[in-house]
Protein backbone atom coordinates (compact mmCIF):
# COMPACT_ATOMS: atom_id res chain seq x y z
CA MET A 1 103.41 70.57 98.13
CA PRO A 2 102.89 72.35 101.44
CA THR A 3 99.32 72.62 102.92
CA PRO A 4 97.72 76.07 102.30
CA ASP A 5 97.42 78.41 105.26
CA TYR A 6 93.98 79.85 106.03
CA ALA A 7 93.84 83.04 107.86
CA ARG A 8 91.96 86.40 108.35
CA LEU A 9 93.63 89.12 106.26
CA PRO A 10 94.25 92.35 108.01
CA GLU A 11 92.32 95.35 106.69
CA THR A 12 95.57 97.20 105.70
CA LEU A 13 96.17 94.27 103.16
CA ARG A 14 92.76 94.50 101.48
CA PRO A 15 94.51 95.62 98.13
CA LEU A 16 96.25 92.24 97.97
CA LEU A 17 92.94 90.47 97.74
CA ASN A 18 91.57 92.86 95.18
CA LYS A 19 94.67 92.38 93.14
CA PHE A 20 94.31 88.58 93.49
CA TYR A 21 90.72 88.88 91.98
CA ARG A 22 91.96 91.24 89.19
CA THR A 23 94.81 88.92 88.35
CA HIS A 24 92.34 86.18 87.62
CA ASN A 25 89.95 88.41 85.78
CA SER A 26 87.30 87.77 88.42
CA PRO A 27 84.45 90.25 88.89
CA MET A 28 84.75 89.58 92.61
CA ARG A 29 86.09 92.29 95.00
CA SER A 30 86.56 92.43 98.68
CA ALA A 31 83.72 93.81 100.77
CA SER A 32 84.58 97.25 102.09
CA ASP A 33 83.30 96.56 105.69
CA GLY A 34 83.82 93.08 106.76
CA GLN A 35 86.29 90.41 107.48
CA LEU A 36 88.52 89.23 104.59
CA TRP A 37 89.73 85.61 104.63
CA VAL A 38 92.40 84.15 102.39
CA ALA A 39 94.06 80.94 101.58
CA ARG A 40 97.80 81.31 100.91
CA GLN A 41 100.43 79.00 99.66
CA GLY A 42 103.25 81.58 99.25
CA GLU A 43 100.72 83.84 97.50
CA ILE A 44 96.94 84.22 97.77
CA ILE A 45 95.25 81.24 96.11
CA GLY A 46 91.74 81.95 97.41
CA GLY A 47 89.66 84.54 99.23
CA LEU A 48 86.27 85.47 100.52
CA SER A 49 84.58 88.33 102.48
CA LEU A 50 82.19 88.16 105.46
CA THR A 51 80.15 91.40 105.87
CA PRO A 52 78.16 91.98 109.10
CA VAL A 53 74.35 92.29 108.37
CA ALA A 54 71.34 91.89 110.80
CA GLN A 55 73.11 90.02 113.65
CA GLY A 56 74.77 87.73 111.15
CA HIS A 57 77.10 87.77 108.12
CA TRP A 58 76.80 87.76 104.36
CA LEU A 59 79.46 85.71 102.61
CA THR A 60 80.70 87.15 99.30
CA GLY A 61 83.57 86.93 96.93
CA LEU A 62 84.63 83.28 97.45
CA PHE A 63 87.00 82.78 94.65
CA ILE A 64 89.77 80.22 94.14
CA ALA A 65 92.58 80.49 91.62
CA PRO A 66 91.56 78.30 88.75
CA SER A 67 94.74 76.19 88.89
CA ARG A 68 93.93 75.27 92.47
CA ARG A 69 90.34 74.29 92.20
CA SER A 70 88.98 70.95 93.12
CA GLN A 71 91.63 70.48 95.81
CA GLY A 72 89.30 71.33 98.84
CA ILE A 73 90.61 74.79 99.22
CA ALA A 74 87.19 76.50 98.94
CA ALA A 75 85.58 74.24 101.50
CA GLN A 76 88.52 74.60 104.00
CA LEU A 77 88.43 78.42 103.55
CA VAL A 78 84.72 78.61 104.14
CA GLN A 79 85.09 76.36 107.18
CA GLN A 80 87.85 78.52 108.71
CA ALA A 81 86.01 81.81 108.09
CA LEU A 82 82.67 80.32 109.55
CA GLY A 83 84.61 79.05 112.57
CA ASN A 84 85.04 82.63 113.64
CA CYS A 85 81.32 83.66 113.06
CA ASN A 86 78.53 83.58 115.61
CA GLY A 87 74.96 83.75 114.12
CA PRO A 88 73.61 83.19 110.69
CA VAL A 89 75.58 83.48 107.56
CA TRP A 90 73.83 83.93 104.17
CA LEU A 91 75.12 83.81 100.67
CA PHE A 92 73.83 84.21 97.13
CA CYS A 93 75.13 81.92 94.42
CA HIS A 94 74.29 80.48 91.09
CA PRO A 95 72.15 77.46 91.31
CA ASP A 96 74.87 75.20 89.99
CA LEU A 97 76.86 75.80 93.15
CA ARG A 98 74.09 74.76 95.50
CA GLY A 99 75.60 71.30 96.00
CA PHE A 100 78.94 72.72 97.01
CA TYR A 101 77.43 74.90 99.63
CA GLU A 102 75.10 72.23 100.95
CA ARG A 103 78.10 70.04 101.63
CA GLN A 104 79.42 72.89 103.68
CA GLY A 105 76.17 72.86 105.81
CA PHE A 106 74.15 75.59 104.04
CA HIS A 107 70.55 75.09 103.30
CA GLY A 108 68.07 76.59 100.81
CA ASP A 109 65.26 79.05 101.42
CA PRO A 110 66.73 80.84 104.56
CA THR A 111 64.88 83.66 106.12
CA LEU A 112 66.82 86.72 104.78
CA PRO A 113 67.14 90.01 106.56
CA GLN A 114 65.30 92.70 104.63
CA PRO A 115 68.53 94.34 103.07
CA LEU A 116 69.63 91.05 101.68
CA ALA A 117 66.15 90.07 100.41
CA GLU A 118 66.07 93.44 98.61
CA ARG A 119 69.48 92.81 97.08
CA LEU A 120 68.68 89.25 96.02
CA ALA A 121 65.59 90.47 94.29
CA ARG A 122 67.71 93.07 92.27
CA TYR A 123 70.36 90.53 91.52
CA SER A 124 67.82 88.02 90.32
CA ARG A 125 66.55 90.31 87.64
CA SER A 126 69.68 89.94 85.61
CA LYS A 127 71.06 86.42 86.49
CA PRO A 128 70.02 83.24 88.19
CA MET A 129 70.70 83.46 91.94
CA ILE A 130 69.60 81.48 95.03
CA ALA A 131 70.03 82.35 98.61
CA LEU A 132 71.53 79.76 101.10
CA GLY A 133 72.08 80.11 104.84
CA ILE A 134 73.69 78.39 107.78
CA ARG A 135 73.60 78.86 111.64
CA SER A 136 77.19 79.22 112.65
CA THR A 137 78.62 79.26 116.14
CA ALA A 138 82.18 80.56 116.71
CA LYS A 139 84.64 78.02 117.92
CA ASN A 140 87.33 80.55 118.83
CA LEU A 141 85.38 82.86 121.28
């Protein structure tokens, strides 16, 4: 089986990422104002969004096709996307996913910018969520 390709998705192809999420009945959707990243192997098999916020980025929408999980695709996609970021990157996740993100270099209890702190407070009212962060330096600048 060929190795997946990891690349930034052009804005004009945003509907393809949203279609991928819908196809898998995922509640995820691409951020409307950020970088979109995908893993492809013929078709999209994973995606995520990086939205600019407070001199950093907010990682959202990480989703891998269920049949392709546990193959290192999510880790590689995150690393490719972060390789193009400069500054802090934050994310919110269910506590069960903490170990995965820590293996990618994220840490708990980051200092969140005010807009993300407010959003986390809202999200946490209805479901368990934690915030994680990482300091990223772009490799491709």
